[in-house]
Structures are given as structure tokens and as C-alpha cells.
Amino acid sequence: LGYGSEVVPAVLKFGMNECGLNRIIATIDPENLPSRRIAEKAGMKLECIYEDDGEPVCLFAIVSDANT
């Protein structure tokens, strides 16, 4: 239990450092508060809430520090 809070930061770090990604996004159901908290704790920021097929979706993103 609780693997998400350990895995997400590692995956983000891998994506940025090993794969050279500048930006990583996650889409999360607005009602999924545990996943939203994990994304925020990992440094992701809520950019917007939009509708996909009539359902609301939260778009979280993180941008590499290398770009600043």
C-alpha cells in the first residue's frame, strides 16, 4: 500500500533525467483525491480542468528545471 507516492517521483525523475523529457503530464479524475495529492506531492501542478467525452479531467504537469 502507498506505492504511488514512492513510484511517481521516481518515474518523473527517470523521464526527465534519463529520457530527456522537458514536460510530463498526468490526467486524473477530479474525484480521485489520493492521486491528485500524489501528483502534487511529486511537484506536479494543476494546469486546468477540461471535459473529455463530457467528463471532467484534471490535467497536471511538471516541467524540467533544465529549461529555466
N, C-alpha and C. Protein backbone atom coordinates (compact mmCIF):
# COMPACT_ATOMS: atom_id res chain seq x y z
N LEU A 1 0.83 -1.19 0.00
CA LEU A 1 0.00 0.00 0.00
C LEU A 1 0.87 1.25 0.00
N GLY A 2 0.40 2.27 -0.68
CA GLY A 2 1.12 3.52 -0.70
C GLY A 2 2.27 3.56 -1.69
N TYR A 3 2.26 2.68 -2.67
CA TYR A 3 3.37 2.64 -3.64
C TYR A 3 3.39 3.86 -4.54
N GLY A 4 2.25 4.45 -4.82
CA GLY A 4 2.18 5.59 -5.72
C GLY A 4 3.06 6.74 -5.28
N SER A 5 3.08 7.02 -3.99
CA SER A 5 3.88 8.15 -3.50
C SER A 5 5.37 7.88 -3.62
N GLU A 6 5.76 6.62 -3.77
CA GLU A 6 7.17 6.28 -3.98
C GLU A 6 7.50 6.17 -5.47
N VAL A 7 6.57 5.63 -6.24
CA VAL A 7 6.82 5.36 -7.66
C VAL A 7 6.76 6.63 -8.50
N VAL A 8 5.78 7.48 -8.28
CA VAL A 8 5.58 8.65 -9.14
C VAL A 8 6.81 9.55 -9.17
N PRO A 9 7.41 9.94 -8.04
CA PRO A 9 8.61 10.77 -8.13
C PRO A 9 9.76 10.09 -8.88
N ALA A 10 9.90 8.78 -8.71
CA ALA A 10 10.96 8.05 -9.41
C ALA A 10 10.71 8.03 -10.92
N VAL A 11 9.47 7.84 -11.32
CA VAL A 11 9.13 7.83 -12.75
C VAL A 11 9.34 9.21 -13.36
N LEU A 12 8.94 10.26 -12.64
CA LEU A 12 9.16 11.62 -13.14
C LEU A 12 10.65 11.91 -13.29
N LYS A 13 11.43 11.52 -12.32
CA LYS A 13 12.88 11.73 -12.37
C LYS A 13 13.48 10.98 -13.55
N PHE A 14 13.07 9.73 -13.74
CA PHE A 14 13.55 8.93 -14.86
C PHE A 14 13.19 9.60 -16.19
N GLY A 15 11.95 10.04 -16.31
CA GLY A 15 11.52 10.68 -17.54
C GLY A 15 12.31 11.93 -17.86
N MET A 16 12.58 12.73 -16.86
CA MET A 16 13.32 13.98 -17.07
C MET A 16 14.81 13.71 -17.30
N ASN A 17 15.42 12.90 -16.43
CA ASN A 17 16.87 12.73 -16.47
C ASN A 17 17.35 11.71 -17.49
N GLU A 18 16.67 10.59 -17.59
CA GLU A 18 17.13 9.52 -18.47
C GLU A 18 16.54 9.60 -19.88
N CYS A 19 15.31 10.08 -19.98
CA CYS A 19 14.64 10.14 -21.28
C CYS A 19 14.70 11.52 -21.91
N GLY A 20 15.13 12.51 -21.14
CA GLY A 20 15.27 13.87 -21.66
C GLY A 20 13.95 14.59 -21.90
N LEU A 21 12.90 14.17 -21.20
CA LEU A 21 11.61 14.84 -21.36
C LEU A 21 11.65 16.21 -20.69
N ASN A 22 11.07 17.20 -21.34
CA ASN A 22 11.02 18.56 -20.78
C ASN A 22 9.75 18.79 -19.97
N ARG A 23 8.71 18.03 -20.30
CA ARG A 23 7.41 18.22 -19.64
C ARG A 23 6.71 16.88 -19.59
N ILE A 24 6.13 16.58 -18.44
CA ILE A 24 5.36 15.35 -18.26
C ILE A 24 3.99 15.74 -17.74
N ILE A 25 2.95 15.13 -18.31
CA ILE A 25 1.59 15.43 -17.87
C ILE A 25 0.94 14.18 -17.30
N ALA A 26 -0.08 14.41 -16.49
CA ALA A 26 -0.92 13.34 -15.96
C ALA A 26 -2.36 13.81 -16.03
N THR A 27 -3.25 12.93 -16.42
CA THR A 27 -4.67 13.24 -16.38
C THR A 27 -5.30 12.40 -15.27
N ILE A 28 -6.06 13.07 -14.42
CA ILE A 28 -6.61 12.43 -13.22
C ILE A 28 -8.07 12.84 -13.06
N ASP A 29 -8.88 11.87 -12.70
CA ASP A 29 -10.29 12.14 -12.40
C ASP A 29 -10.34 13.13 -11.22
N PRO A 30 -11.10 14.22 -11.35
CA PRO A 30 -11.16 15.20 -10.27
C PRO A 30 -11.56 14.62 -8.91
N GLU A 31 -12.33 13.54 -8.91
CA GLU A 31 -12.77 12.94 -7.66
C GLU A 31 -11.73 12.01 -7.04
N ASN A 32 -10.64 11.73 -7.75
CA ASN A 32 -9.60 10.84 -7.26
C ASN A 32 -8.59 11.65 -6.44
N LEU A 33 -9.01 12.02 -5.24
CA LEU A 33 -8.18 12.88 -4.38
C LEU A 33 -6.83 12.27 -4.01
N PRO A 34 -6.73 10.96 -3.73
CA PRO A 34 -5.41 10.40 -3.42
C PRO A 34 -4.42 10.57 -4.58
N SER A 35 -4.86 10.34 -5.81
CA SER A 35 -3.97 10.50 -6.96
C SER A 35 -3.61 11.97 -7.17
N ARG A 36 -4.54 12.85 -6.95
CA ARG A 36 -4.24 14.28 -7.07
C ARG A 36 -3.20 14.70 -6.04
N ARG A 37 -3.32 14.19 -4.81
CA ARG A 37 -2.34 14.52 -3.77
C ARG A 37 -0.95 13.97 -4.11
N ILE A 38 -0.90 12.77 -4.66
CA ILE A 38 0.38 12.19 -5.05
C ILE A 38 1.04 13.03 -6.14
N ALA A 39 0.28 13.44 -7.13
CA ALA A 39 0.81 14.28 -8.20
C ALA A 39 1.35 15.60 -7.64
N GLU A 40 0.58 16.23 -6.77
CA GLU A 40 1.01 17.50 -6.18
C GLU A 40 2.24 17.31 -5.32
N LYS A 41 2.28 16.25 -4.52
CA LYS A 41 3.43 15.99 -3.65
C LYS A 41 4.69 15.75 -4.48
N ALA A 42 4.53 15.19 -5.68
CA ALA A 42 5.66 14.92 -6.57
C ALA A 42 6.10 16.17 -7.33
N GLY A 43 5.42 17.29 -7.12
CA GLY A 43 5.81 18.54 -7.75
C GLY A 43 5.00 18.92 -8.97
N MET A 44 3.99 18.13 -9.29
CA MET A 44 3.16 18.44 -10.44
C MET A 44 2.15 19.53 -10.05
N LYS A 45 1.81 20.37 -11.02
CA LYS A 45 0.88 21.47 -10.79
C LYS A 45 -0.39 21.26 -11.63
N LEU A 46 -1.52 21.56 -11.02
CA LEU A 46 -2.79 21.51 -11.75
C LEU A 46 -2.80 22.66 -12.75
N GLU A 47 -2.88 22.32 -14.04
CA GLU A 47 -2.91 23.35 -15.08
C GLU A 47 -4.32 23.73 -15.48
N CYS A 48 -5.20 22.73 -15.54
CA CYS A 48 -6.57 23.04 -15.92
C CYS A 48 -7.45 21.83 -15.66
N ILE A 49 -8.74 22.07 -15.70
CA ILE A 49 -9.73 21.01 -15.68
C ILE A 49 -10.53 21.17 -16.96
N TYR A 50 -10.58 20.11 -17.74
CA TYR A 50 -11.29 20.17 -19.02
C TYR A 50 -12.24 19.00 -19.12
N GLU A 51 -13.06 19.00 -20.17
CA GLU A 51 -14.01 17.91 -20.36
C GLU A 51 -13.51 17.00 -21.48
N ASP A 52 -13.57 15.70 -21.24
CA ASP A 52 -13.23 14.70 -22.23
C ASP A 52 -14.42 13.75 -22.33
N ASP A 53 -15.05 13.74 -23.46
CA ASP A 53 -16.28 12.95 -23.64
C ASP A 53 -17.33 13.28 -22.59
N GLY A 54 -17.41 14.56 -22.24
CA GLY A 54 -18.42 15.02 -21.30
C GLY A 54 -18.07 14.83 -19.84
N GLU A 55 -16.90 14.26 -19.55
CA GLU A 55 -16.47 14.02 -18.17
C GLU A 55 -15.33 14.95 -17.82
N PRO A 56 -15.32 15.53 -16.62
CA PRO A 56 -14.22 16.41 -16.22
C PRO A 56 -12.94 15.62 -15.98
N VAL A 57 -11.82 16.24 -16.36
CA VAL A 57 -10.50 15.64 -16.19
C VAL A 57 -9.54 16.72 -15.71
N CYS A 58 -8.73 16.41 -14.70
CA CYS A 58 -7.69 17.32 -14.23
C CYS A 58 -6.41 17.05 -15.01
N LEU A 59 -5.79 18.10 -15.52
CA LEU A 59 -4.51 17.98 -16.20
C LEU A 59 -3.42 18.54 -15.29
N PHE A 60 -2.53 17.66 -14.84
CA PHE A 60 -1.39 18.05 -14.02
C PHE A 60 -0.14 17.99 -14.90
N ALA A 61 0.84 18.85 -14.62
CA ALA A 61 2.08 18.84 -15.40
C ALA A 61 3.25 19.24 -14.53
N ILE A 62 4.42 18.78 -14.96
CA ILE A 62 5.67 19.19 -14.35
C ILE A 62 6.63 19.48 -15.48
N VAL A 63 7.42 20.55 -15.31
CA VAL A 63 8.37 20.98 -16.33
C VAL A 63 9.78 20.84 -15.76
N SER A 64 10.69 20.39 -16.59
CA SER A 64 12.07 20.19 -16.19
C SER A 64 12.71 21.51 -15.74
N ASP A 65 13.50 21.46 -14.67
CA ASP A 65 14.25 22.62 -14.19
C ASP A 65 15.33 23.03 -15.18
N ALA A 66 15.72 22.13 -16.06
CA ALA A 66 16.78 22.39 -17.04
C ALA A 66 16.39 23.50 -18.00
N ASN A 67 15.08 23.75 -18.13
CA ASN A 67 14.62 24.78 -19.06
C ASN A 67 14.64 26.18 -18.46
N THR A 68 14.92 26.28 -17.19
CA THR A 68 14.90 27.61 -16.55
C THR A 68 16.27 28.13 -16.34
